[in-house]
Amino acid sequence: MDAFERLLWWLFAGSTGAKTRLLVLNALREQPRNAQQLSQALHLDYTTVRHHLSVLERNRLVLTEGEKYGKLYFVSETMEANWGKLDTILGRRVASEAKGEEKSER
């Protein structure tokens, strides 16, 4: 497992904000947006969106253009190139959660 894959595990499978970060990243993959547009499109609090954008930007999964409130966010080329790894991680997480539910039903 390379360093980028470990980062993806941590951001999207190992932390409490994983689902929200995934929503934000998928929305940006559809089209570049600013924080306010993301907040409205995802029906999330603006400060929540800004927090997750900051995490994604700090870890180089998103890039920005512009300044202040009009700053647009884009999915980075590195993230685009590694989207398959994220899909694999998400698939494993779902399978693991399903196994956990089966055990609890027994």
PDB file of N, CA and C in Angstrom:
ATOM      1  N   MET A   1       0.854  -1.169   0.000  1.00  0.00           N
ATOM      2  CA  MET A   1       0.000   0.000   0.000  1.00  0.00           C
ATOM      3  C   MET A   1       0.904   1.238   0.000  1.00  0.00           C
ATOM      4  N   ASP A   2       0.673   2.138  -0.943  1.00  0.00           N
ATOM      5  CA  ASP A   2       1.496   3.338  -1.009  1.00  0.00           C
ATOM      6  C   ASP A   2       0.950   4.434  -0.088  1.00  0.00           C
ATOM      7  N   ALA A   3       1.698   5.507   0.028  1.00  0.00           N
ATOM      8  CA  ALA A   3       1.337   6.593   0.950  1.00  0.00           C
ATOM      9  C   ALA A   3       0.009   7.237   0.573  1.00  0.00           C
ATOM     10  N   PHE A   4      -0.262   7.379  -0.719  1.00  0.00           N
ATOM     11  CA  PHE A   4      -1.512   8.008  -1.136  1.00  0.00           C
ATOM     12  C   PHE A   4      -2.700   7.122  -0.768  1.00  0.00           C
ATOM     13  N   GLU A   5      -2.547   5.833  -0.937  1.00  0.00           N
ATOM     14  CA  GLU A   5      -3.627   4.910  -0.579  1.00  0.00           C
ATOM     15  C   GLU A   5      -3.889   4.945   0.926  1.00  0.00           C
ATOM     16  N   ARG A   6      -2.834   5.021   1.728  1.00  0.00           N
ATOM     17  CA  ARG A   6      -3.004   5.146   3.186  1.00  0.00           C
ATOM     18  C   ARG A   6      -3.752   6.428   3.526  1.00  0.00           C
ATOM     19  N   LEU A   7      -3.416   7.499   2.828  1.00  0.00           N
ATOM     20  CA  LEU A   7      -4.110   8.769   3.034  1.00  0.00           C
ATOM     21  C   LEU A   7      -5.597   8.625   2.717  1.00  0.00           C
ATOM     22  N   LEU A   8      -5.902   7.973   1.611  1.00  0.00           N
ATOM     23  CA  LEU A   8      -7.309   7.765   1.244  1.00  0.00           C
ATOM     24  C   LEU A   8      -8.042   6.931   2.291  1.00  0.00           C
ATOM     25  N   TRP A   9      -7.392   5.893   2.820  1.00  0.00           N
ATOM     26  CA  TRP A   9      -7.999   5.086   3.885  1.00  0.00           C
ATOM     27  C   TRP A   9      -8.345   5.972   5.068  1.00  0.00           C
ATOM     28  N   TRP A  10      -7.387   6.799   5.470  1.00  0.00           N
ATOM     29  CA  TRP A  10      -7.604   7.646   6.628  1.00  0.00           C
ATOM     30  C   TRP A  10      -8.731   8.647   6.395  1.00  0.00           C
ATOM     31  N   LEU A  11      -8.743   9.316   5.229  1.00  0.00           N
ATOM     32  CA  LEU A  11      -9.725  10.357   4.952  1.00  0.00           C
ATOM     33  C   LEU A  11     -11.127   9.833   4.668  1.00  0.00           C
ATOM     34  N   PHE A  12     -11.228   8.623   4.076  1.00  0.00           N
ATOM     35  CA  PHE A  12     -12.531   8.162   3.608  1.00  0.00           C
ATOM     36  C   PHE A  12     -13.028   6.872   4.252  1.00  0.00           C
ATOM     37  N   ALA A  13     -12.227   6.259   5.106  1.00  0.00           N
ATOM     38  CA  ALA A  13     -12.690   5.041   5.768  1.00  0.00           C
ATOM     39  C   ALA A  13     -12.389   5.040   7.254  1.00  0.00           C
ATOM     40  N   GLY A  14     -11.472   5.878   7.686  1.00  0.00           N
ATOM     41  CA  GLY A  14     -11.032   5.792   9.062  1.00  0.00           C
ATOM     42  C   GLY A  14     -11.378   6.968   9.936  1.00  0.00           C
ATOM     43  N   SER A  15     -12.174   7.907   9.465  1.00  0.00           N
ATOM     44  CA  SER A  15     -12.483   9.069  10.293  1.00  0.00           C
ATOM     45  C   SER A  15     -13.965   9.405  10.221  1.00  0.00           C
ATOM     46  N   THR A  16     -14.416  10.182  11.199  1.00  0.00           N
ATOM     47  CA  THR A  16     -15.843  10.469  11.307  1.00  0.00           C
ATOM     48  C   THR A  16     -16.387  11.345  10.186  1.00  0.00           C
ATOM     49  N   GLY A  17     -15.575  12.170   9.582  1.00  0.00           N
ATOM     50  CA  GLY A  17     -16.044  13.042   8.512  1.00  0.00           C
ATOM     51  C   GLY A  17     -15.953  12.433   7.132  1.00  0.00           C
ATOM     52  N   ALA A  18     -15.689  11.153   7.053  1.00  0.00           N
ATOM     53  CA  ALA A  18     -15.443  10.494   5.767  1.00  0.00           C
ATOM     54  C   ALA A  18     -16.606  10.646   4.793  1.00  0.00           C
ATOM     55  N   LYS A  19     -17.823  10.439   5.262  1.00  0.00           N
ATOM     56  CA  LYS A  19     -18.977  10.506   4.357  1.00  0.00           C
ATOM     57  C   LYS A  19     -19.167  11.908   3.798  1.00  0.00           C
ATOM     58  N   THR A  20     -18.981  12.914   4.635  1.00  0.00           N
ATOM     59  CA  THR A  20     -19.129  14.292   4.168  1.00  0.00           C
ATOM     60  C   THR A  20     -18.033  14.645   3.182  1.00  0.00           C
ATOM     61  N   ARG A  21     -16.799  14.227   3.469  1.00  0.00           N
ATOM     62  CA  ARG A  21     -15.701  14.498   2.528  1.00  0.00           C
ATOM     63  C   ARG A  21     -15.961  13.839   1.179  1.00  0.00           C
ATOM     64  N   LEU A  22     -16.531  12.651   1.204  1.00  0.00           N
ATOM     65  CA  LEU A  22     -16.847  11.964  -0.042  1.00  0.00           C
ATOM     66  C   LEU A  22     -17.919  12.721  -0.825  1.00  0.00           C
ATOM     67  N   LEU A  23     -18.929  13.220  -0.138  1.00  0.00           N
ATOM     68  CA  LEU A  23     -19.965  14.026  -0.800  1.00  0.00           C
ATOM     69  C   LEU A  23     -19.342  15.257  -1.463  1.00  0.00           C
ATOM     70  N   VAL A  24     -18.471  15.934  -0.744  1.00  0.00           N
ATOM     71  CA  VAL A  24     -17.825  17.136  -1.266  1.00  0.00           C
ATOM     72  C   VAL A  24     -16.965  16.790  -2.476  1.00  0.00           C
ATOM     73  N   LEU A  25     -16.177  15.749  -2.372  1.00  0.00           N
ATOM     74  CA  LEU A  25     -15.288  15.362  -3.471  1.00  0.00           C
ATOM     75  C   LEU A  25     -16.080  14.954  -4.713  1.00  0.00           C
ATOM     76  N   ASN A  26     -17.141  14.188  -4.522  1.00  0.00           N
ATOM     77  CA  ASN A  26     -17.979  13.790  -5.664  1.00  0.00           C
ATOM     78  C   ASN A  26     -18.643  14.992  -6.321  1.00  0.00           C
ATOM     79  N   ALA A  27     -19.103  15.939  -5.522  1.00  0.00           N
ATOM     80  CA  ALA A  27     -19.724  17.144  -6.085  1.00  0.00           C
ATOM     81  C   ALA A  27     -18.717  17.942  -6.904  1.00  0.00           C
ATOM     82  N   LEU A  28     -17.486  18.006  -6.423  1.00  0.00           N
ATOM     83  CA  LEU A  28     -16.451  18.721  -7.174  1.00  0.00           C
ATOM     84  C   LEU A  28     -16.052  17.971  -8.435  1.00  0.00           C
ATOM     85  N   ARG A  29     -16.166  16.681  -8.392  1.00  0.00           N
ATOM     86  CA  ARG A  29     -15.851  15.895  -9.592  1.00  0.00           C
ATOM     87  C   ARG A  29     -16.881  16.177 -10.688  1.00  0.00           C
ATOM     88  N   GLU A  30     -18.123  16.419 -10.279  1.00  0.00           N
ATOM     89  CA  GLU A  30     -19.165  16.772 -11.247  1.00  0.00           C
ATOM     90  C   GLU A  30     -18.868  18.113 -11.902  1.00  0.00           C
ATOM     91  N   GLN A  31     -18.504  19.102 -11.067  1.00  0.00           N
ATOM     92  CA  GLN A  31     -18.160  20.424 -11.584  1.00  0.00           C
ATOM     93  C   GLN A  31     -17.477  21.240 -10.492  1.00  0.00           C
ATOM     94  N   PRO A  32     -16.537  22.104 -10.881  1.00  0.00           N
ATOM     95  CA  PRO A  32     -15.890  22.975  -9.900  1.00  0.00           C
ATOM     96  C   PRO A  32     -16.927  23.895  -9.250  1.00  0.00           C
ATOM     97  N   ARG A  33     -16.747  24.153  -7.965  1.00  0.00           N
ATOM     98  CA  ARG A  33     -17.685  25.010  -7.242  1.00  0.00           C
ATOM     99  C   ARG A  33     -16.941  25.751  -6.140  1.00  0.00           C
ATOM    100  N   ASN A  34     -17.571  26.810  -5.639  1.00  0.00           N
ATOM    101  CA  ASN A  34     -17.023  27.469  -4.460  1.00  0.00           C
ATOM    102  C   ASN A  34     -17.729  26.891  -3.227  1.00  0.00           C
ATOM    103  N   ALA A  35     -17.287  27.311  -2.050  1.00  0.00           N
ATOM    104  CA  ALA A  35     -17.818  26.734  -0.812  1.00  0.00           C
ATOM    105  C   ALA A  35     -19.316  26.979  -0.665  1.00  0.00           C
ATOM    106  N   GLN A  36     -19.768  28.164  -1.025  1.00  0.00           N
ATOM    107  CA  GLN A  36     -21.199  28.474  -0.906  1.00  0.00           C
ATOM    108  C   GLN A  36     -22.024  27.593  -1.844  1.00  0.00           C
ATOM    109  N   GLN A  37     -21.580  27.415  -3.063  1.00  0.00           N
ATOM    110  CA  GLN A  37     -22.287  26.559  -4.021  1.00  0.00           C
ATOM    111  C   GLN A  37     -22.345  25.126  -3.514  1.00  0.00           C
ATOM    112  N   LEU A  38     -21.242  24.639  -2.953  1.00  0.00           N
ATOM    113  CA  LEU A  38     -21.225  23.288  -2.389  1.00  0.00           C
ATOM    114  C   LEU A  38     -22.197  23.176  -1.218  1.00  0.00           C
ATOM    115  N   SER A  39     -22.192  24.169  -0.364  1.00  0.00           N
ATOM    116  CA  SER A  39     -23.078  24.180   0.788  1.00  0.00           C
ATOM    117  C   SER A  39     -24.536  24.065   0.342  1.00  0.00           C
ATOM    118  N   GLN A  40     -24.900  24.829  -0.650  1.00  0.00           N
ATOM    119  CA  GLN A  40     -26.276  24.802  -1.156  1.00  0.00           C
ATOM    120  C   GLN A  40     -26.595  23.490  -1.865  1.00  0.00           C
ATOM    121  N   ALA A  41     -25.688  23.033  -2.701  1.00  0.00           N
ATOM    122  CA  ALA A  41     -25.933  21.807  -3.465  1.00  0.00           C
ATOM    123  C   ALA A  41     -26.040  20.575  -2.571  1.00  0.00           C
ATOM    124  N   LEU A  42     -25.254  20.541  -1.505  1.00  0.00           N
ATOM    125  CA  LEU A  42     -25.220  19.372  -0.627  1.00  0.00           C
ATOM    126  C   LEU A  42     -26.112  19.520   0.608  1.00  0.00           C
ATOM    127  N   HIS A  43     -26.726  20.696   0.755  1.00  0.00           N
ATOM    128  CA  HIS A  43     -27.586  20.979   1.916  1.00  0.00           C
ATOM    129  C   HIS A  43     -26.822  20.770   3.221  1.00  0.00           C
ATOM    130  N   LEU A  44     -25.603  21.333   3.243  1.00  0.00           N
ATOM    131  CA  LEU A  44     -24.744  21.252   4.420  1.00  0.00           C
ATOM    132  C   LEU A  44     -24.418  22.657   4.906  1.00  0.00           C
ATOM    133  N   ASP A  45     -24.115  22.769   6.182  1.00  0.00           N
ATOM    134  CA  ASP A  45     -23.712  24.034   6.759  1.00  0.00           C
ATOM    135  C   ASP A  45     -22.431  24.535   6.078  1.00  0.00           C
ATOM    136  N   TYR A  46     -22.379  25.834   5.821  1.00  0.00           N
ATOM    137  CA  TYR A  46     -21.235  26.428   5.136  1.00  0.00           C
ATOM    138  C   TYR A  46     -19.926  26.158   5.872  1.00  0.00           C
ATOM    139  N   THR A  47     -19.916  26.291   7.195  1.00  0.00           N
ATOM    140  CA  THR A  47     -18.677  26.075   7.946  1.00  0.00           C
ATOM    141  C   THR A  47     -18.236  24.612   7.893  1.00  0.00           C
ATOM    142  N   THR A  48     -19.194  23.710   7.821  1.00  0.00           N
ATOM    143  CA  THR A  48     -18.863  22.287   7.668  1.00  0.00           C
ATOM    144  C   THR A  48     -18.182  22.053   6.330  1.00  0.00           C
ATOM    145  N   VAL A  49     -18.741  22.618   5.297  1.00  0.00           N
ATOM    146  CA  VAL A  49     -18.161  22.485   3.957  1.00  0.00           C
ATOM    147  C   VAL A  49     -16.756  23.074   3.932  1.00  0.00           C
ATOM    148  N   ARG A  50     -16.587  24.260   4.518  1.00  0.00           N
ATOM    149  CA  ARG A  50     -15.261  24.890   4.540  1.00  0.00           C
ATOM    150  C   ARG A  50     -14.245  24.021   5.280  1.00  0.00           C
ATOM    151  N   HIS A  51     -14.660  23.423   6.375  1.00  0.00           N
ATOM    152  CA  HIS A  51     -13.759  22.545   7.125  1.00  0.00           C
ATOM    153  C   HIS A  51     -13.285  21.384   6.247  1.00  0.00           C
ATOM    154  N   HIS A  52     -14.219  20.717   5.584  1.00  0.00           N
ATOM    155  CA  HIS A  52     -13.853  19.553   4.775  1.00  0.00           C
ATOM    156  C   HIS A  52     -13.053  19.950   3.543  1.00  0.00           C
ATOM    157  N   LEU A  53     -13.351  21.101   2.965  1.00  0.00           N
ATOM    158  CA  LEU A  53     -12.531  21.600   1.860  1.00  0.00           C
ATOM    159  C   LEU A  53     -11.104  21.852   2.323  1.00  0.00           C
ATOM    160  N   SER A  54     -10.970  22.390   3.511  1.00  0.00           N
ATOM    161  CA  SER A  54      -9.644  22.640   4.061  1.00  0.00           C
ATOM    162  C   SER A  54      -8.856  21.346   4.235  1.00  0.00           C
ATOM    163  N   VAL A  55      -9.522  20.323   4.747  1.00  0.00           N
ATOM    164  CA  VAL A  55      -8.871  19.015   4.923  1.00  0.00           C
ATOM    165  C   VAL A  55      -8.455  18.446   3.568  1.00  0.00           C
ATOM    166  N   LEU A  56      -9.351  18.507   2.602  1.00  0.00           N
ATOM    167  CA  LEU A  56      -9.055  17.977   1.268  1.00  0.00           C
ATOM    168  C   LEU A  56      -7.952  18.779   0.580  1.00  0.00           C
ATOM    169  N   GLU A  57      -7.964  20.088   0.744  1.00  0.00           N
ATOM    170  CA  GLU A  57      -6.928  20.927   0.132  1.00  0.00           C
ATOM    171  C   GLU A  57      -5.572  20.684   0.799  1.00  0.00           C
ATOM    172  N   ARG A  58      -5.555  20.607   2.115  1.00  0.00           N
ATOM    173  CA  ARG A  58      -4.310  20.375   2.859  1.00  0.00           C
ATOM    174  C   ARG A  58      -3.657  19.048   2.448  1.00  0.00           C
ATOM    175  N   ASN A  59      -4.477  18.090   2.071  1.00  0.00           N
ATOM    176  CA  ASN A  59      -3.968  16.779   1.662  1.00  0.00           C
ATOM    177  C   ASN A  59      -3.865  16.626   0.145  1.00  0.00           C
ATOM    178  N   ARG A  60      -3.992  17.726  -0.555  1.00  0.00           N
ATOM    179  CA  ARG A  60      -3.789  17.816  -2.011  1.00  0.00           C
ATOM    180  C   ARG A  60      -4.761  16.971  -2.847  1.00  0.00           C
ATOM    181  N   LEU A  61      -5.964  16.811  -2.336  1.00  0.00           N
ATOM    182  CA  LEU A  61      -6.985  16.110  -3.117  1.00  0.00           C
ATOM    183  C   LEU A  61      -7.804  17.092  -3.933  1.00  0.00           C
ATOM    184  N   VAL A  62      -7.822  18.342  -3.494  1.00  0.00           N
ATOM    185  CA  VAL A  62      -8.467  19.409  -4.262  1.00  0.00           C
ATOM    186  C   VAL A  62      -7.497  20.566  -4.413  1.00  0.00           C
ATOM    187  N   LEU A  63      -7.693  21.326  -5.473  1.00  0.00           N
ATOM    188  CA  LEU A  63      -6.909  22.527  -5.770  1.00  0.00           C
ATOM    189  C   LEU A  63      -7.865  23.698  -5.861  1.00  0.00           C
ATOM    190  N   THR A  64      -7.336  24.907  -5.760  1.00  0.00           N
ATOM    191  CA  THR A  64      -8.195  26.094  -5.836  1.00  0.00           C
ATOM    192  C   THR A  64      -7.702  27.062  -6.896  1.00  0.00           C
ATOM    193  N   GLU A  65      -8.627  27.867  -7.349  1.00  0.00           N
ATOM    194  CA  GLU A  65      -8.347  28.993  -8.243  1.00  0.00           C
ATOM    195  C   GLU A  65      -9.162  30.164  -7.738  1.00  0.00           C
ATOM    196  N   GLY A  66      -8.574  31.328  -7.742  1.00  0.00           N
ATOM    197  CA  GLY A  66      -9.275  32.524  -7.292  1.00  0.00           C
ATOM    198  C   GLY A  66      -8.942  32.847  -5.849  1.00  0.00           C
ATOM    199  N   GLU A  67      -9.654  33.847  -5.338  1.00  0.00           N
ATOM    200  CA  GLU A  67      -9.384  34.316  -3.983  1.00  0.00           C
ATOM    201  C   GLU A  67     -10.667  34.461  -3.182  1.00  0.00           C
ATOM    202  N   LYS A  68     -10.521  34.392  -1.891  1.00  0.00           N
ATOM    203  CA  LYS A  68     -11.565  34.612  -0.892  1.00  0.00           C
ATOM    204  C   LYS A  68     -12.840  33.842  -1.207  1.00  0.00           C
ATOM    205  N   TYR A  69     -13.976  34.542  -1.190  1.00  0.00           N
ATOM    206  CA  TYR A  69     -15.274  33.867  -1.290  1.00  0.00           C
ATOM    207  C   TYR A  69     -15.561  33.281  -2.669  1.00  0.00           C
ATOM    208  N   GLY A  70     -14.951  33.825  -3.700  1.00  0.00           N
ATOM    209  CA  GLY A  70     -15.176  33.310  -5.039  1.00  0.00           C
ATOM    210  C   GLY A  70     -14.248  32.172  -5.423  1.00  0.00           C
ATOM    211  N   LYS A  71     -13.412  31.740  -4.482  1.00  0.00           N
ATOM    212  CA  LYS A  71     -12.423  30.690  -4.754  1.00  0.00           C
ATOM    213  C   LYS A  71     -13.138  29.420  -5.213  1.00  0.00           C
ATOM    214  N   LEU A  72     -12.732  28.921  -6.371  1.00  0.00           N
ATOM    215  CA  LEU A  72     -13.297  27.680  -6.897  1.00  0.00           C
ATOM    216  C   LEU A  72     -12.412  26.508  -6.515  1.00  0.00           C
ATOM    217  N   TYR A  73     -13.046  25.394  -6.226  1.00  0.00           N
ATOM    218  CA  TYR A  73     -12.338  24.164  -5.863  1.00  0.00           C
ATOM    219  C   TYR A  73     -12.479  23.158  -6.996  1.00  0.00           C
ATOM    220  N   PHE A  74     -11.386  22.462  -7.275  1.00  0.00           N
ATOM    221  CA  PHE A  74     -11.300  21.458  -8.328  1.00  0.00           C
ATOM    222  C   PHE A  74     -10.691  20.190  -7.744  1.00  0.00           C
ATOM    223  N   VAL A  75     -11.054  19.037  -8.285  1.00  0.00           N
ATOM    224  CA  VAL A  75     -10.398  17.788  -7.902  1.00  0.00           C
ATOM    225  C   VAL A  75      -8.998  17.810  -8.514  1.00  0.00           C
ATOM    226  N   SER A  76      -7.993  17.474  -7.728  1.00  0.00           N
ATOM    227  CA  SER A  76      -6.608  17.495  -8.216  1.00  0.00           C
ATOM    228  C   SER A  76      -6.371  16.369  -9.219  1.00  0.00           C
ATOM    229  N   GLU A  77      -5.349  16.545 -10.041  1.00  0.00           N
ATOM    230  CA  GLU A  77      -4.984  15.511 -11.014  1.00  0.00           C
ATOM    231  C   GLU A  77      -4.572  14.229 -10.299  1.00  0.00           C
ATOM    232  N   THR A  78      -3.897  14.367  -9.166  1.00  0.00           N
ATOM    233  CA  THR A  78      -3.482  13.184  -8.402  1.00  0.00           C
ATOM    234  C   THR A  78      -4.689  12.395  -7.933  1.00  0.00           C
ATOM    235  N   MET A  79      -5.709  13.102  -7.444  1.00  0.00           N
ATOM    236  CA  MET A  79      -6.913  12.410  -6.985  1.00  0.00           C
ATOM    237  C   MET A  79      -7.617  11.745  -8.165  1.00  0.00           C
ATOM    238  N   GLU A  80      -7.733  12.460  -9.267  1.00  0.00           N
ATOM    239  CA  GLU A  80      -8.369  11.878 -10.460  1.00  0.00           C
ATOM    240  C   GLU A  80      -7.642  10.602 -10.887  1.00  0.00           C
ATOM    241  N   ALA A  81      -6.314  10.638 -10.864  1.00  0.00           N
ATOM    242  CA  ALA A  81      -5.514   9.485 -11.289  1.00  0.00           C
ATOM    243  C   ALA A  81      -5.654   8.300 -10.340  1.00  0.00           C
ATOM    244  N   ASN A  82      -6.059   8.572  -9.107  1.00  0.00           N
ATOM    245  CA  ASN A  82      -6.167   7.512  -8.099  1.00  0.00           C
ATOM    246  C   ASN A  82      -7.603   7.218  -7.688  1.00  0.00           C
ATOM    247  N   TRP A  83      -8.561   7.634  -8.492  1.00  0.00           N
ATOM    248  CA  TRP A  83      -9.968   7.436  -8.150  1.00  0.00           C
ATOM    249  C   TRP A  83     -10.299   5.949  -7.990  1.00  0.00           C
ATOM    250  N   GLY A  84      -9.662   5.115  -8.765  1.00  0.00           N
ATOM    251  CA  GLY A  84      -9.885   3.673  -8.653  1.00  0.00           C
ATOM    252  C   GLY A  84      -9.522   3.140  -7.280  1.00  0.00           C
ATOM    253  N   LYS A  85      -8.460   3.677  -6.693  1.00  0.00           N
ATOM    254  CA  LYS A  85      -8.074   3.267  -5.336  1.00  0.00           C
ATOM    255  C   LYS A  85      -9.158   3.649  -4.337  1.00  0.00           C
ATOM    256  N   LEU A  86      -9.723   4.835  -4.502  1.00  0.00           N
ATOM    257  CA  LEU A  86     -10.794   5.264  -3.605  1.00  0.00           C
ATOM    258  C   LEU A  86     -12.008   4.350  -3.757  1.00  0.00           C
ATOM    259  N   ASP A  87     -12.363   4.005  -4.978  1.00  0.00           N
ATOM    260  CA  ASP A  87     -13.484   3.088  -5.201  1.00  0.00           C
ATOM    261  C   ASP A  87     -13.242   1.740  -4.520  1.00  0.00           C
ATOM    262  N   THR A  88     -12.015   1.236  -4.605  1.00  0.00           N
ATOM    263  CA  THR A  88     -11.669  -0.035  -3.958  1.00  0.00           C
ATOM    264  C   THR A  88     -11.812   0.072  -2.447  1.00  0.00           C
ATOM    265  N   ILE A  89     -11.308   1.154  -1.884  1.00  0.00           N
ATOM    266  CA  ILE A  89     -11.401   1.372  -0.435  1.00  0.00           C
ATOM    267  C   ILE A  89     -12.853   1.442   0.006  1.00  0.00           C
ATOM    268  N   LEU A  90     -13.662   2.178  -0.737  1.00  0.00           N
ATOM    269  CA  LEU A  90     -15.075   2.302  -0.381  1.00  0.00           C
ATOM    270  C   LEU A  90     -15.788   0.957  -0.490  1.00  0.00           C
ATOM    271  N   GLY A  91     -15.433   0.173  -1.494  1.00  0.00           N
ATOM    272  CA  GLY A  91     -16.016  -1.160  -1.639  1.00  0.00           C
ATOM    273  C   GLY A  91     -15.658  -2.063  -0.477  1.00  0.00           C
ATOM    274  N   ARG A  92     -14.428  -1.988  -0.046  1.00  0.00           N
ATOM    275  CA  ARG A  92     -13.996  -2.800   1.104  1.00  0.00           C
ATOM    276  C   ARG A  92     -14.698  -2.354   2.376  1.00  0.00           C
ATOM    277  N   ARG A  93     -14.850  -1.049   2.545  1.00  0.00           N
ATOM    278  CA  ARG A  93     -15.523  -0.528   3.736  1.00  0.00           C
ATOM    279  C   ARG A  93     -16.975  -0.988   3.792  1.00  0.00           C
ATOM    280  N   VAL A  94     -17.655  -0.932   2.656  1.00  0.00           N
ATOM    281  CA  VAL A  94     -19.049  -1.373   2.599  1.00  0.00           C
ATOM    282  C   VAL A  94     -19.143  -2.861   2.899  1.00  0.00           C
ATOM    283  N   ALA A  95     -18.240  -3.647   2.325  1.00  0.00           N
ATOM    284  CA  ALA A  95     -18.244  -5.097   2.582  1.00  0.00           C
ATOM    285  C   ALA A  95     -17.981  -5.382   4.051  1.00  0.00           C
ATOM    286  N   SER A  96     -17.069  -4.660   4.643  1.00  0.00           N
ATOM    287  CA  SER A  96     -16.744  -4.843   6.051  1.00  0.00           C
ATOM    288  C   SER A  96     -17.931  -4.479   6.943  1.00  0.00           C
ATOM    289  N   GLU A  97     -18.609  -3.387   6.604  1.00  0.00           N
ATOM    290  CA  GLU A  97     -19.788  -2.979   7.375  1.00  0.00           C
ATOM    291  C   GLU A  97     -20.901  -4.011   7.246  1.00  0.00           C
ATOM    292  N   ALA A  98     -21.057  -4.580   6.052  1.00  0.00           N
ATOM    293  CA  ALA A  98     -22.089  -5.600   5.841  1.00  0.00           C
ATOM    294  C   ALA A  98     -21.791  -6.846   6.663  1.00  0.00           C
ATOM    295  N   LYS A  99     -20.524  -7.249   6.732  1.00  0.00           N
ATOM    296  CA  LYS A  99     -20.146  -8.406   7.550  1.00  0.00           C
ATOM    297  C   LYS A  99     -20.435  -8.136   9.020  1.00  0.00           C
ATOM    298  N   GLY A 100     -20.183  -6.911   9.466  1.00  0.00           N
ATOM    299  CA  GLY A 100     -20.446  -6.546  10.850  1.00  0.00           C
ATOM    300  C   GLY A 100     -21.927  -6.609  11.176  1.00  0.00           C
ATOM    301  N   GLU A 101     -22.769  -6.228  10.226  1.00  0.00           N
ATOM    302  CA  GLU A 101     -24.216  -6.286  10.424  1.00  0.00           C
ATOM    303  C   GLU A 101     -24.686  -7.738  10.478  1.00  0.00           C
ATOM    304  N   GLU A 102     -24.088  -8.603   9.639  1.00  0.00           N
ATOM    305  CA  GLU A 102     -24.460 -10.014   9.661  1.00  0.00           C
ATOM    306  C   GLU A 102     -24.138 -10.634  11.010  1.00  0.00           C
ATOM    307  N   LYS A 103     -22.986 -10.320  11.569  1.00  0.00           N
ATOM    308  CA  LYS A 103     -22.585 -10.867  12.863  1.00  0.00           C
ATOM    309  C   LYS A 103     -23.519 -10.389  13.974  1.00  0.00           C
ATOM    310  N   SER A 104     -23.948  -9.133  13.912  1.00  0.00           N
ATOM    311  CA  SER A 104     -24.799  -8.616  14.968  1.00  0.00           C
ATOM    312  C   SER A 104     -26.217  -9.167  14.904  1.00  0.00           C
ATOM    313  N   GLU A 105     -26.632  -9.638  13.725  1.00  0.00           N
ATOM    314  CA  GLU A 105     -27.965 -10.229  13.573  1.00  0.00           C
ATOM    315  C   GLU A 105     -28.027 -11.654  14.082  1.00  0.00           C
ATOM    316  N   ARG A 106     -26.891 -12.283  14.242  1.00  0.00           N
ATOM    317  CA  ARG A 106     -26.868 -13.692  14.675  1.00  0.00           C
ATOM    318  C   ARG A 106     -27.143 -13.851  16.131  1.00  0.00           C
TER     319      ARG A 106
END
